[in-house]
Amino acid sequence: MISNKALAEQFEQFAKILELKNELSFKISAYQRAAEAIRSQGESLEEIYKRGGIKELQKIEGIGESISQKIEEYIKTGKIKELERLKNKIPKAELEFMEIPGVGPKTAKKLFEKLKAKNINELKEKLKKQGLKFFKEKTQANILRGIEIKSHLSGRMLLADAKPYVDSIIAYLNKSNLMERVTAVGSFRRFKETVGDIDLVATSSVPARAIKYFVKYPEFTKIITSGETKSTVIHSSGIQVDLEILPENEFGSLLQHFTGSKEHNIALRTYAQEHGFSISEHGIKEKSGKLILCPKEEDVYKTLKMDYIEPELREDRGEIEAALKHQLPKLVELKDVQGDLHMHSNWSDGSNSIEEMAQKAKELKYKYIAISDHTVSLAVAGGLDAKGFLKREKELKRVNQKFTSLKILNSCEVNIKPDGTLDLPEESLRRFDIVTASVHSSFNQSKEMMTKRLIRAIENPNVDIIGHPSGRIINRREGYQVDWPEIFKACVANKVALEINAFPDRLDLVDSLVQEAKKFGVKFVICTDAHNVSQMDNMIYGISVARRGWAEAKDVLSTRSFPELQTWFKKR
């Protein structure tokens, strides 16, 4: 099965190469829109194509006849001839340099022409020696940081991309009845934003038979090892999958050990040793040599006289001390969420109508949603001007009358311009129930300028929420430099909430900043930024970030009833 991510990357390459060749901007924009449309689809494009061919693909906003033909070609052959032809005309090094986070086509071209590097490793060395001859110090530092990020992220996939593989493998294993318990561990269980390998642990009374069944999973393309209780295989996606089986009475220790993180486990072992214990994946050993078995994971923490620590908190950021003092937070859960305050309809760059988004919200048992279409200066996303939003208001009123149990809020995602002003007039912004303000351009401003820019938007009396606050896109773009304590203070002073954006390649605000912001008293909203109905199911990923940031339901405005939400925003 070809992933939407792989398809989107083909059209992103098209756009970058056309930019290198100084092609017309409308051609470049067409491929950029296609890539975004593909990434935003909840359903596999290959499945959509199988169901209805090219005509079915063309129903997707942003995908016309030419793009759909290229998608068909890629599905059938794994290549797009036109793209391959274009790539053959561009030096391989330039194509490789464009994969560095933060390096665009023009910079990639200049890097190749000035430094004559043949690959990224050579580029890194030449930048350090000769870079300042051709680039400003800040630009050089940004490129080197991008190279470092790329090296760390190599081989890791987004949490949301890994989840279908994990779910499918576990479902296959559970069908066998050869294992009593199977669960994923490691970074996946801690709901980290990216996943390296897929690590599974299980219990079984017939481990050898269970391993033989495991390696026969249809999507495994290579068996690296296959023993009596352990196996390592390669999935067709390229990701490594490990399974380890232990007896039932050791499962709790096994689960705790392999969940990690490494930093948490080191801190836990250090504490245990200081108090006369030794921890391993088999159990907890006393000074006398007696091994305490832990069938349940809770038994590990209970034996050490501390509260159970949720997997998302296990990063050695104070959780052990809090568990000993019985001061761990009661983490927010998916069931606490009562609404979604950031989503896009087909009035801007969404695929579904307001009514279709409302119907999905009703199925999710939400009490309210906010339709936050883009504003005028984001032309690539079909942003609306003041007149466009007035027209949309009529449809909002009509749909609100059909959904008596759901409140559909009139909202927008307004652009924060480089100077901190907004791209809609004040009289227009006052008409909205909720205004989310976001940065969509000029990401390379200095830390001082970006901080002033955000604070100016926060101080605007019409702004309620700052959307995807750091602007990062995982694996593709670093967050901008900001004085976060100053931002947090401004949010508290002006009663502006920070968004925890649940879109799988954003997950922004990052968990460590959520934890820091909470200490200042900042309030959050967890939103999907959905561009179609299927993406409204991504709320779980925003919840995971909030949990990793120690957030409780009381910290999240979108867990409140609609009257409580109204009261909070009206206090401004």
Protein backbone atom coordinates (compact mmCIF):
# COMPACT_ATOMS: atom_id res chain seq x y z
CA MET A 1 0.00 0.00 0.00
CA ILE A 2 1.42 3.38 -1.03
CA SER A 3 1.13 5.91 1.80
CA ASN A 4 -0.30 9.40 1.33
CA LYS A 5 2.93 10.71 2.82
CA ALA A 6 5.01 9.10 0.04
CA LEU A 7 2.66 10.51 -2.60
CA ALA A 8 2.72 13.99 -1.09
CA GLU A 9 6.52 13.95 -1.10
CA GLN A 10 6.48 13.40 -4.88
CA PHE A 11 4.52 16.60 -5.47
CA GLU A 12 6.58 18.53 -2.91
CA GLN A 13 9.62 17.54 -4.98
CA PHE A 14 7.86 18.75 -8.12
CA ALA A 15 7.27 22.16 -6.50
CA LYS A 16 10.85 22.48 -5.25
CA ILE A 17 12.40 21.54 -8.59
CA LEU A 18 10.14 23.96 -10.47
CA GLU A 19 11.18 26.68 -8.03
CA LEU A 20 14.83 25.82 -8.73
CA LYS A 21 14.11 26.22 -12.44
CA ASN A 22 12.34 29.58 -11.87
CA GLU A 23 9.07 28.30 -13.31
CA LEU A 24 5.88 30.34 -13.08
CA SER A 25 4.55 30.67 -9.54
CA PHE A 26 1.08 29.29 -10.38
CA LYS A 27 2.66 25.97 -11.47
CA ILE A 28 4.64 25.76 -8.22
CA SER A 29 1.52 26.59 -6.18
CA ALA A 30 -0.48 23.88 -7.97
CA TYR A 31 1.95 21.19 -6.82
CA GLN A 32 2.16 22.64 -3.30
CA ARG A 33 -1.65 22.60 -3.04
CA ALA A 34 -1.73 19.03 -4.33
CA ALA A 35 0.84 17.92 -1.75
CA GLU A 36 -1.13 19.54 1.07
CA ALA A 37 -4.39 18.03 -0.21
CA ILE A 38 -2.83 14.56 -0.27
CA ARG A 39 -1.30 14.89 3.20
CA SER A 40 -4.61 16.07 4.63
CA GLN A 41 -6.62 13.08 3.37
CA GLY A 42 -7.66 10.66 6.09
CA GLU A 43 -8.24 7.86 3.59
CA SER A 44 -5.46 6.33 1.50
CA LEU A 45 -5.41 7.81 -2.03
CA GLU A 46 -4.63 4.36 -3.36
CA GLU A 47 -7.92 3.12 -1.85
CA ILE A 48 -9.76 6.12 -3.29
CA TYR A 49 -8.26 5.37 -6.72
CA LYS A 50 -9.19 1.68 -6.52
CA ARG A 51 -12.75 2.65 -5.66
CA GLY A 52 -13.35 5.12 -8.48
CA GLY A 53 -10.22 5.76 -10.53
CA ILE A 54 -9.08 9.20 -11.67
CA LYS A 55 -12.59 10.68 -11.47
CA GLU A 56 -12.77 9.85 -7.77
CA LEU A 57 -9.36 11.48 -7.17
CA GLN A 58 -10.51 14.65 -8.92
CA LYS A 59 -13.27 15.10 -6.34
CA ILE A 60 -10.54 16.07 -3.85
CA GLU A 61 -10.01 19.82 -3.59
CA GLY A 62 -6.63 20.73 -5.11
CA ILE A 63 -6.36 17.67 -7.36
CA GLY A 64 -7.17 18.26 -11.02
CA GLU A 65 -6.83 16.13 -14.14
CA SER A 66 -3.06 16.46 -14.54
CA ILE A 67 -2.31 15.76 -10.86
CA SER A 68 -4.70 12.80 -10.75
CA GLN A 69 -3.00 11.24 -13.79
CA LYS A 70 0.36 11.52 -12.04
CA ILE A 71 -1.10 9.92 -8.90
CA GLU A 72 -2.42 7.06 -11.03
CA GLU A 73 1.01 6.62 -12.61
CA TYR A 74 2.73 6.52 -9.21
CA ILE A 75 0.23 4.00 -7.83
CA LYS A 76 0.73 1.73 -10.84
CA THR A 77 4.51 2.05 -11.33
CA GLY A 78 6.00 3.58 -8.17
CA LYS A 79 7.37 6.46 -10.26
CA ILE A 80 6.28 9.61 -12.10
CA LYS A 81 8.19 9.84 -15.39
CA GLU A 82 7.99 13.62 -15.61
CA LEU A 83 9.39 14.00 -12.10
CA GLU A 84 12.21 11.54 -12.82
CA ARG A 85 13.05 13.50 -15.99
CA LEU A 86 13.19 16.76 -14.03
CA LYS A 87 15.32 15.18 -11.30
CA ASN A 88 17.84 13.97 -13.89
CA LYS A 89 18.39 17.59 -14.93
CA ILE A 90 19.21 18.71 -11.37
CA PRO A 91 22.48 17.82 -9.57
CA LYS A 92 21.85 15.06 -7.02
CA ALA A 93 23.48 17.15 -4.31
CA GLU A 94 20.94 19.96 -4.79
CA LEU A 95 18.07 17.48 -4.40
CA GLU A 96 19.69 16.09 -1.25
CA PHE A 97 20.26 19.57 0.22
CA MET A 98 16.56 20.40 -0.21
CA GLU A 99 15.78 17.59 2.25
CA ILE A 100 17.52 19.52 5.04
CA PRO A 101 14.88 21.13 7.32
CA GLY A 102 14.80 24.87 6.69
CA VAL A 103 16.70 24.73 3.38
CA GLY A 104 14.63 25.84 0.40
CA PRO A 105 15.39 25.40 -3.31
CA LYS A 106 17.27 28.69 -3.73
CA THR A 107 19.50 28.03 -0.72
CA ALA A 108 20.13 24.45 -1.89
CA LYS A 109 21.24 25.77 -5.29
CA LYS A 110 23.54 28.36 -3.72
CA LEU A 111 25.06 25.74 -1.37
CA PHE A 112 25.90 23.52 -4.32
CA GLU A 113 27.26 26.28 -6.52
CA LYS A 114 29.37 28.01 -3.87
CA LEU A 115 30.66 25.10 -1.78
CA LYS A 116 30.78 22.38 -4.48
CA ALA A 117 29.76 19.75 -1.91
CA LYS A 118 28.66 16.34 -3.26
CA ASN A 119 26.55 15.24 -0.28
CA ILE A 120 25.29 16.40 3.11
CA ASN A 121 28.29 15.08 5.07
CA GLU A 122 30.68 16.95 2.80
CA LEU A 123 28.44 20.03 2.97
CA LYS A 124 28.63 20.03 6.77
CA GLU A 125 32.43 20.08 6.74
CA LYS A 126 32.69 22.72 4.01
CA LEU A 127 30.14 24.96 5.73
CA LYS A 128 32.23 24.96 8.91
CA LYS A 129 35.39 25.87 6.98
CA GLN A 130 34.14 28.16 4.21
CA GLY A 131 30.50 28.93 4.94
CA LEU A 132 30.96 32.48 6.19
CA LYS A 133 32.44 33.49 2.83
CA PHE A 134 29.05 33.06 1.20
CA PHE A 135 26.42 33.04 3.99
CA LYS A 136 25.59 35.19 6.99
CA GLU A 137 26.54 33.70 10.35
CA LYS A 138 22.89 33.16 11.31
CA THR A 139 22.11 31.47 7.96
CA GLN A 140 25.10 29.15 8.36
CA ALA A 141 24.01 28.26 11.90
CA ASN A 142 20.46 27.51 10.72
CA ILE A 143 21.71 25.21 7.93
CA LEU A 144 24.03 23.33 10.31
CA ARG A 145 21.18 22.97 12.80
CA GLY A 146 18.96 21.63 9.99
CA ILE A 147 21.63 19.04 9.10
CA GLU A 148 21.77 17.98 12.76
CA ILE A 149 17.96 17.65 12.94
CA LYS A 150 17.92 15.57 9.76
CA SER A 151 20.54 13.18 11.16
CA HIS A 152 18.53 12.68 14.37
CA LEU A 153 15.25 12.13 12.53
CA SER A 154 16.61 9.72 9.95
CA GLY A 155 14.59 6.51 10.00
CA ARG A 156 11.87 7.84 12.32
CA MET A 157 8.23 8.13 11.30
CA LEU A 158 5.42 10.25 12.64
CA LEU A 159 3.47 8.73 15.52
CA ALA A 160 0.28 8.90 13.43
CA ASP A 161 1.99 7.06 10.55
CA ALA A 162 3.22 4.31 12.87
CA LYS A 163 -0.11 3.76 14.63
CA PRO A 164 -1.91 1.90 11.78
CA TYR A 165 1.03 -0.52 11.50
CA VAL A 166 1.04 -1.15 15.26
CA ASP A 167 -2.73 -1.63 15.40
CA SER A 168 -2.68 -4.04 12.45
CA ILE A 169 0.16 -6.18 13.84
CA ILE A 170 -1.44 -6.40 17.30
CA ALA A 171 -4.82 -7.31 15.77
CA TYR A 172 -3.09 -10.10 13.80
CA LEU A 173 -1.37 -11.42 16.95
CA ASN A 174 -4.57 -11.34 18.99
CA LYS A 175 -6.32 -13.50 16.38
CA SER A 176 -3.98 -16.39 17.12
CA ASN A 177 -4.97 -16.96 20.77
CA LEU A 178 -1.32 -17.88 21.32
CA MET A 179 -0.62 -14.83 23.50
CA GLU A 180 -2.45 -13.69 26.60
CA ARG A 181 -1.33 -10.06 26.40
CA VAL A 182 0.34 -8.02 23.66
CA THR A 183 1.20 -4.34 23.78
CA ALA A 184 3.48 -1.84 22.08
CA VAL A 185 6.17 -0.24 24.23
CA GLY A 186 8.99 2.28 23.78
CA SER A 187 8.41 5.71 22.28
CA PHE A 188 5.09 4.56 20.77
CA ARG A 189 3.58 3.77 24.17
CA ARG A 190 4.87 7.07 25.56
CA PHE A 191 3.18 8.72 22.55
CA LYS A 192 6.32 10.51 21.41
CA GLU A 193 5.85 12.57 18.24
CA THR A 194 8.07 10.26 16.17
CA VAL A 195 8.75 6.53 16.37
CA GLY A 196 11.93 4.66 15.47
CA ASP A 197 11.39 0.91 15.78
CA ILE A 198 8.12 -0.75 16.76
CA ASP A 199 8.74 -2.66 20.00
CA LEU A 200 6.18 -5.21 21.23
CA VAL A 201 6.06 -7.26 24.42
CA ALA A 202 3.77 -10.18 25.15
CA THR A 203 3.01 -13.09 27.46
CA SER A 204 2.44 -16.61 26.22
CA SER A 205 2.40 -20.16 27.58
CA VAL A 206 3.68 -21.33 24.18
CA PRO A 207 6.26 -18.66 23.23
CA ALA A 208 7.99 -20.67 20.47
CA ARG A 209 4.66 -21.22 18.65
CA ALA A 210 3.76 -17.55 19.15
CA ILE A 211 7.06 -16.43 17.58
CA LYS A 212 6.53 -18.72 14.57
CA TYR A 213 3.08 -17.19 14.09
CA PHE A 214 4.45 -13.65 14.50
CA VAL A 215 7.04 -13.92 11.71
CA LYS A 216 4.35 -15.07 9.24
CA TYR A 217 2.60 -11.68 9.32
CA PRO A 218 2.06 -10.87 5.60
CA GLU A 219 3.63 -7.39 5.70
CA PHE A 220 6.98 -8.58 7.09
CA THR A 221 9.55 -8.65 4.29
CA LYS A 222 12.63 -9.83 6.16
CA ILE A 223 13.28 -11.92 9.28
CA ILE A 224 16.47 -10.81 11.03
CA THR A 225 16.23 -13.09 14.08
CA SER A 226 13.68 -15.66 15.24
CA GLY A 227 14.34 -17.42 18.55
CA GLU A 228 12.30 -19.14 21.24
CA THR A 229 11.10 -15.92 22.91
CA LYS A 230 12.40 -13.07 20.72
CA SER A 231 12.19 -12.01 17.11
CA THR A 232 13.25 -9.05 14.98
CA VAL A 233 11.75 -8.44 11.55
CA ILE A 234 11.49 -5.71 8.90
CA HIS A 235 8.07 -4.39 7.89
CA SER A 236 7.27 -3.54 4.26
CA SER A 237 7.31 0.14 5.30
CA GLY A 238 10.99 -0.27 6.19
CA ILE A 239 10.45 -0.01 9.94
CA GLN A 240 11.97 -2.63 12.28
CA VAL A 241 9.60 -4.59 14.52
CA ASP A 242 10.80 -6.40 17.69
CA LEU A 243 8.78 -8.83 19.80
CA GLU A 244 9.82 -10.24 23.19
CA ILE A 245 7.79 -12.78 25.17
CA LEU A 246 8.15 -13.38 28.92
CA PRO A 247 6.15 -15.34 31.52
CA GLU A 248 2.95 -13.75 32.87
CA ASN A 249 4.43 -13.13 36.34
CA GLU A 250 7.21 -10.96 34.86
CA PHE A 251 5.05 -8.96 32.47
CA GLY A 252 4.78 -5.80 34.61
CA SER A 253 8.56 -5.45 34.87
CA LEU A 254 8.99 -6.20 31.18
CA LEU A 255 6.38 -3.59 30.26
CA GLN A 256 7.92 -0.92 32.50
CA HIS A 257 11.48 -1.61 31.35
CA PHE A 258 10.78 -1.49 27.62
CA THR A 259 8.41 1.48 27.81
CA GLY A 260 11.31 3.70 28.93
CA SER A 261 12.38 6.37 28.48
CA LYS A 262 16.06 5.61 29.00
CA GLU A 263 16.34 8.74 31.18
CA HIS A 264 13.35 7.72 33.30
CA ASN A 265 14.64 4.19 33.78
CA ILE A 266 18.10 5.41 34.82
CA ALA A 267 16.55 7.77 37.38
CA LEU A 268 14.27 4.97 38.64
CA ARG A 269 17.18 2.51 38.95
CA THR A 270 19.27 5.12 40.76
CA TYR A 271 16.48 5.73 43.27
CA ALA A 272 15.98 1.98 43.73
CA GLN A 273 19.68 1.33 44.36
CA GLU A 274 19.77 4.10 46.96
CA HIS A 275 16.97 2.26 48.79
CA GLY A 276 18.36 -1.27 48.59
CA PHE A 277 16.69 -2.53 45.39
CA SER A 278 17.89 -3.58 41.94
CA ILE A 279 15.51 -3.29 38.96
CA SER A 280 15.53 -5.36 35.76
CA GLU A 281 12.99 -6.45 33.16
CA HIS A 282 12.51 -9.64 35.22
CA GLY A 283 11.57 -8.03 38.53
CA ILE A 284 12.89 -6.12 41.55
CA LYS A 285 15.67 -7.74 43.60
CA GLU A 286 16.07 -7.00 47.31
CA LYS A 287 19.46 -6.81 49.09
CA SER A 288 18.87 -10.34 50.35
CA GLY A 289 18.75 -11.57 46.76
CA LYS A 290 15.02 -12.25 46.81
CA LEU A 291 13.36 -11.40 43.47
CA ILE A 292 10.02 -9.61 43.73
CA LEU A 293 7.94 -10.49 40.66
CA CYS A 294 5.71 -7.81 39.16
CA PRO A 295 2.85 -9.25 37.06
CA LYS A 296 1.40 -5.73 36.74
CA GLU A 297 3.29 -2.58 35.85
CA GLU A 298 1.73 -0.83 38.85
CA ASP A 299 3.54 -3.37 41.08
CA VAL A 300 6.93 -1.94 40.03
CA TYR A 301 6.11 1.55 41.29
CA LYS A 302 4.16 0.29 44.33
CA THR A 303 7.15 -1.78 45.47
CA LEU A 304 9.26 1.41 45.38
CA LYS A 305 6.64 3.25 47.50
CA MET A 306 5.57 5.64 44.77
CA ASP A 307 2.40 6.32 42.78
CA TYR A 308 1.96 4.79 39.34
CA ILE A 309 3.51 7.03 36.67
CA GLU A 310 1.64 7.24 33.36
CA PRO A 311 3.80 6.30 30.33
CA GLU A 312 3.57 9.81 28.82
CA LEU A 313 5.26 11.31 31.91
CA ARG A 314 8.30 9.03 31.91
CA GLU A 315 10.94 11.47 30.64
CA ASP A 316 12.82 12.27 33.89
CA ARG A 317 11.23 15.70 34.18
CA GLY A 318 10.30 15.52 37.86
CA GLU A 319 7.81 12.64 37.67
CA ILE A 320 9.67 10.40 40.18
CA GLU A 321 9.82 13.13 42.83
CA ALA A 322 6.12 13.91 42.24
CA ALA A 323 5.18 10.20 42.48
CA LEU A 324 6.99 9.89 45.83
CA LYS A 325 5.15 12.95 47.17
CA HIS A 326 1.78 11.79 45.71
CA GLN A 327 1.68 14.98 43.62
CA LEU A 328 1.36 13.63 40.09
CA PRO A 329 -1.20 15.46 37.92
CA LYS A 330 -4.51 13.85 36.97
CA LEU A 331 -3.82 13.97 33.24
CA VAL A 332 -6.39 15.15 30.72
CA GLU A 333 -8.10 12.36 28.75
CA LEU A 334 -9.79 12.17 25.37
CA LYS A 335 -13.18 11.71 27.04
CA ASP A 336 -12.77 15.13 28.73
CA VAL A 337 -12.84 17.02 25.41
CA GLN A 338 -16.16 18.75 24.70
CA GLY A 339 -15.29 20.55 21.49
CA ASP A 340 -12.79 21.40 18.77
CA LEU A 341 -12.02 25.09 18.25
CA HIS A 342 -9.90 24.99 15.08
CA MET A 343 -10.96 23.37 11.81
CA HIS A 344 -11.31 24.37 8.16
CA SER A 345 -14.24 23.99 5.79
CA ASN A 346 -14.42 24.14 2.00
CA TRP A 347 -14.86 27.89 2.33
CA SER A 348 -11.04 28.01 2.47
CA ASP A 349 -8.75 24.97 2.07
CA GLY A 350 -10.89 22.29 3.72
CA SER A 351 -12.43 19.39 1.81
CA ASN A 352 -15.80 19.23 3.57
CA SER A 353 -18.72 21.58 4.04
CA ILE A 354 -19.58 23.18 7.39
CA GLU A 355 -22.55 20.83 7.67
CA GLU A 356 -20.36 17.76 7.09
CA MET A 357 -17.89 18.93 9.75
CA ALA A 358 -20.82 19.52 12.12
CA GLN A 359 -22.21 16.03 11.47
CA LYS A 360 -18.84 14.49 12.35
CA ALA A 361 -18.69 16.61 15.52
CA LYS A 362 -22.10 15.31 16.49
CA GLU A 363 -20.86 11.73 16.02
CA LEU A 364 -17.94 12.56 18.31
CA LYS A 365 -20.49 13.84 20.87
CA TYR A 366 -19.00 17.33 20.91
CA LYS A 367 -20.98 20.23 22.36
CA TYR A 368 -19.33 22.89 20.16
CA ILE A 369 -16.93 23.43 17.26
CA ALA A 370 -15.34 26.51 15.68
CA ILE A 371 -15.04 26.78 11.91
CA SER A 372 -11.75 28.69 11.59
CA ASP A 373 -11.20 29.24 7.89
CA HIS A 374 -8.09 31.06 6.69
CA THR A 375 -7.99 34.80 6.12
CA VAL A 376 -7.18 36.80 3.02
CA SER A 377 -3.37 36.94 2.92
CA LEU A 378 -3.04 33.14 2.84
CA ALA A 379 -4.06 32.98 -0.81
CA VAL A 380 -2.61 29.51 -1.35
CA ALA A 381 -5.18 28.24 1.17
CA GLY A 382 -8.11 30.15 -0.35
CA GLY A 383 -8.18 32.69 2.48
CA LEU A 384 -11.34 34.81 2.82
CA ASP A 385 -11.61 38.58 3.06
CA ALA A 386 -14.20 40.39 5.19
CA LYS A 387 -16.89 40.04 2.49
CA GLY A 388 -16.17 36.32 2.14
CA PHE A 389 -16.68 35.77 5.87
CA LEU A 390 -19.97 37.70 5.75
CA LYS A 391 -21.20 35.28 3.07
CA ARG A 392 -20.03 32.33 5.17
CA GLU A 393 -21.98 33.66 8.16
CA LYS A 394 -25.24 32.92 6.33
CA GLU A 395 -24.31 29.27 5.92
CA LEU A 396 -23.19 29.05 9.55
CA LYS A 397 -26.59 30.33 10.71
CA ARG A 398 -28.39 27.82 8.47
CA VAL A 399 -26.33 24.88 9.72
CA ASN A 400 -26.63 25.99 13.36
CA GLN A 401 -30.42 25.76 13.02
CA LYS A 402 -30.12 22.11 11.93
CA PHE A 403 -27.88 21.06 14.86
CA THR A 404 -29.69 22.04 18.03
CA SER A 405 -27.38 20.01 20.33
CA LEU A 406 -24.20 21.43 18.78
CA LYS A 407 -23.03 25.05 18.80
CA ILE A 408 -21.11 25.97 15.62
CA LEU A 409 -18.99 29.03 16.32
CA ASN A 410 -18.15 31.72 13.79
CA SER A 411 -14.35 31.76 13.81
CA CYS A 412 -11.29 32.40 11.67
CA GLU A 413 -7.59 31.65 11.64
CA VAL A 414 -6.22 35.12 11.07
CA ASN A 415 -2.65 35.67 9.86
CA ILE A 416 -0.17 37.43 12.10
CA LYS A 417 1.78 39.67 9.74
CA PRO A 418 5.54 40.24 10.21
CA ASP A 419 4.93 43.36 12.28
CA GLY A 420 2.39 41.63 14.56
CA THR A 421 -0.71 43.21 13.02
CA LEU A 422 -3.50 41.02 11.65
CA ASP A 423 -4.70 40.67 8.07
CA LEU A 424 -8.37 41.46 8.74
CA PRO A 425 -9.66 44.85 9.92
CA GLU A 426 -10.68 45.23 13.57
CA GLU A 427 -14.38 45.75 12.75
CA SER A 428 -14.38 42.43 10.89
CA LEU A 429 -12.58 40.56 13.70
CA ARG A 430 -15.15 41.80 16.23
CA ARG A 431 -17.87 39.81 14.44
CA PHE A 432 -16.29 36.45 15.28
CA ASP A 433 -17.13 34.33 18.32
CA ILE A 434 -13.51 33.19 18.57
CA VAL A 435 -10.38 34.37 16.76
CA THR A 436 -7.30 32.17 16.39
CA ALA A 437 -4.20 34.07 15.29
CA SER A 438 -1.29 32.20 13.67
CA VAL A 439 2.04 32.86 12.00
CA HIS A 440 2.23 31.55 8.42
CA SER A 441 5.20 33.48 6.99
CA SER A 442 8.56 35.18 7.77
CA PHE A 443 9.64 32.34 10.06
CA ASN A 444 13.29 33.43 10.12
CA GLN A 445 12.80 36.65 12.05
CA SER A 446 15.14 37.16 15.00
CA LYS A 447 14.10 35.95 18.43
CA GLU A 448 13.47 39.53 19.54
CA MET A 449 11.36 40.39 16.48
CA MET A 450 9.32 37.17 16.65
CA THR A 451 8.66 37.70 20.36
CA LYS A 452 7.43 41.25 19.77
CA ARG A 453 5.37 40.05 16.81
CA LEU A 454 3.53 37.40 18.85
CA ILE A 455 3.03 39.67 21.87
CA ARG A 456 1.50 42.37 19.67
CA ALA A 457 -1.00 39.78 18.37
CA ILE A 458 -1.68 38.50 21.91
CA GLU A 459 -2.42 42.06 23.06
CA ASN A 460 -4.96 42.58 20.28
CA PRO A 461 -8.33 42.57 22.11
CA ASN A 462 -9.96 40.47 19.37
CA VAL A 463 -7.50 37.55 19.61
CA ASP A 464 -8.53 34.58 21.77
CA ILE A 465 -6.09 31.82 20.77
CA ILE A 466 -2.58 31.63 19.33
CA GLY A 467 -2.57 28.78 16.80
CA HIS A 468 0.32 26.27 16.38
CA PRO A 469 2.43 28.62 18.52
CA SER A 470 5.99 27.66 17.52
CA GLY A 471 5.30 27.15 13.79
CA ARG A 472 7.23 23.91 13.60
CA ILE A 473 6.48 21.09 11.16
CA ILE A 474 8.03 17.83 12.31
CA ASN A 475 10.85 16.57 10.04
CA ARG A 476 10.42 19.61 7.76
CA ARG A 477 10.70 22.88 9.70
CA GLU A 478 12.03 23.90 13.10
CA GLY A 479 9.99 26.13 15.33
CA TYR A 480 10.94 29.79 15.32
CA GLN A 481 13.04 31.36 18.05
CA VAL A 482 10.91 33.00 20.75
CA ASP A 483 11.34 34.21 24.33
CA TRP A 484 8.76 31.76 25.65
CA PRO A 485 8.51 33.06 29.25
CA GLU A 486 7.57 36.49 27.84
CA ILE A 487 4.94 34.86 25.60
CA PHE A 488 3.51 32.92 28.54
CA LYS A 489 3.32 36.07 30.69
CA ALA A 490 1.55 37.95 27.88
CA CYS A 491 -0.99 35.13 27.42
CA VAL A 492 -1.84 35.12 31.12
CA ALA A 493 -2.07 38.92 31.30
CA ASN A 494 -4.35 39.12 28.23
CA LYS A 495 -6.33 35.91 28.83
CA VAL A 496 -5.22 34.39 25.51
CA ALA A 497 -5.03 30.60 25.23
CA LEU A 498 -2.26 28.68 23.49
CA GLU A 499 -3.26 25.97 21.07
CA ILE A 500 -1.97 22.42 21.31
CA ASN A 501 -2.34 21.58 17.64
CA ALA A 502 -3.17 17.90 17.10
CA PHE A 503 -2.24 17.80 13.40
CA PRO A 504 0.20 14.84 13.28
CA ASP A 505 3.13 16.70 11.71
CA ARG A 506 2.69 19.76 13.94
CA LEU A 507 1.91 18.61 17.52
CA ASP A 508 2.59 22.19 18.50
CA LEU A 509 2.99 23.42 21.29
CA VAL A 510 5.70 20.82 22.05
CA ASP A 511 5.24 18.93 25.33
CA SER A 512 8.17 20.50 27.23
CA LEU A 513 6.77 23.98 26.48
CA VAL A 514 3.28 22.87 27.59
CA GLN A 515 4.79 21.84 30.92
CA GLU A 516 6.61 25.18 31.25
CA ALA A 517 3.57 27.23 30.18
CA LYS A 518 1.39 25.47 32.74
CA LYS A 519 3.68 26.73 35.52
CA PHE A 520 2.91 30.31 34.41
CA GLY A 521 -0.84 29.61 34.53
CA VAL A 522 -1.40 29.56 30.76
CA LYS A 523 -4.62 27.95 29.51
CA PHE A 524 -4.69 25.70 26.45
CA VAL A 525 -7.10 24.54 23.77
CA ILE A 526 -6.50 21.18 22.07
CA CYS A 527 -7.57 21.42 18.42
CA THR A 528 -7.24 19.19 15.37
CA ASP A 529 -6.76 21.91 12.72
CA ALA A 530 -8.79 19.43 10.63
CA HIS A 531 -9.13 20.05 6.90
CA ASN A 532 -11.58 17.16 6.42
CA VAL A 533 -13.90 15.10 8.60
CA SER A 534 -11.49 12.17 9.02
CA GLN A 535 -8.84 14.47 10.53
CA MET A 536 -11.20 15.32 13.37
CA ASP A 537 -10.20 11.91 14.77
CA ASN A 538 -6.67 13.25 15.32
CA MET A 539 -7.66 14.76 18.67
CA ILE A 540 -5.93 11.82 20.40
CA TYR A 541 -2.53 13.10 19.24
CA GLY A 542 -3.16 16.53 20.75
CA ILE A 543 -4.27 14.85 23.97
CA SER A 544 -1.00 12.88 24.03
CA VAL A 545 1.04 16.11 23.80
CA ALA A 546 -1.01 17.69 26.59
CA ARG A 547 -0.49 14.61 28.78
CA ARG A 548 3.25 14.59 28.11
CA GLY A 549 3.19 18.26 29.17
CA TRP A 550 1.51 17.37 32.50
CA ALA A 551 -1.74 19.12 31.51
CA GLU A 552 -4.94 18.38 33.42
CA ALA A 553 -8.51 18.92 32.26
CA LYS A 554 -8.66 22.16 34.27
CA ASP A 555 -5.79 23.53 32.15
CA VAL A 556 -7.64 22.92 28.87
CA LEU A 557 -10.49 25.26 27.93
CA SER A 558 -11.94 22.86 25.37
CA THR A 559 -12.85 20.44 28.18
CA ARG A 560 -15.35 22.98 29.56
CA SER A 561 -19.06 23.19 28.85
CA PHE A 562 -20.16 25.75 26.29
CA PRO A 563 -21.49 28.23 28.92
CA GLU A 564 -18.19 27.93 30.84
CA LEU A 565 -16.21 28.44 27.63
CA GLN A 566 -18.29 31.53 26.77
CA THR A 567 -17.74 32.95 30.25
CA TRP A 568 -13.96 32.54 30.00
CA PHE A 569 -13.66 34.24 26.63
CA LYS A 570 -16.11 37.01 27.58
CA LYS A 571 -13.87 37.94 30.54
CA ARG A 572 -11.57 39.53 27.98
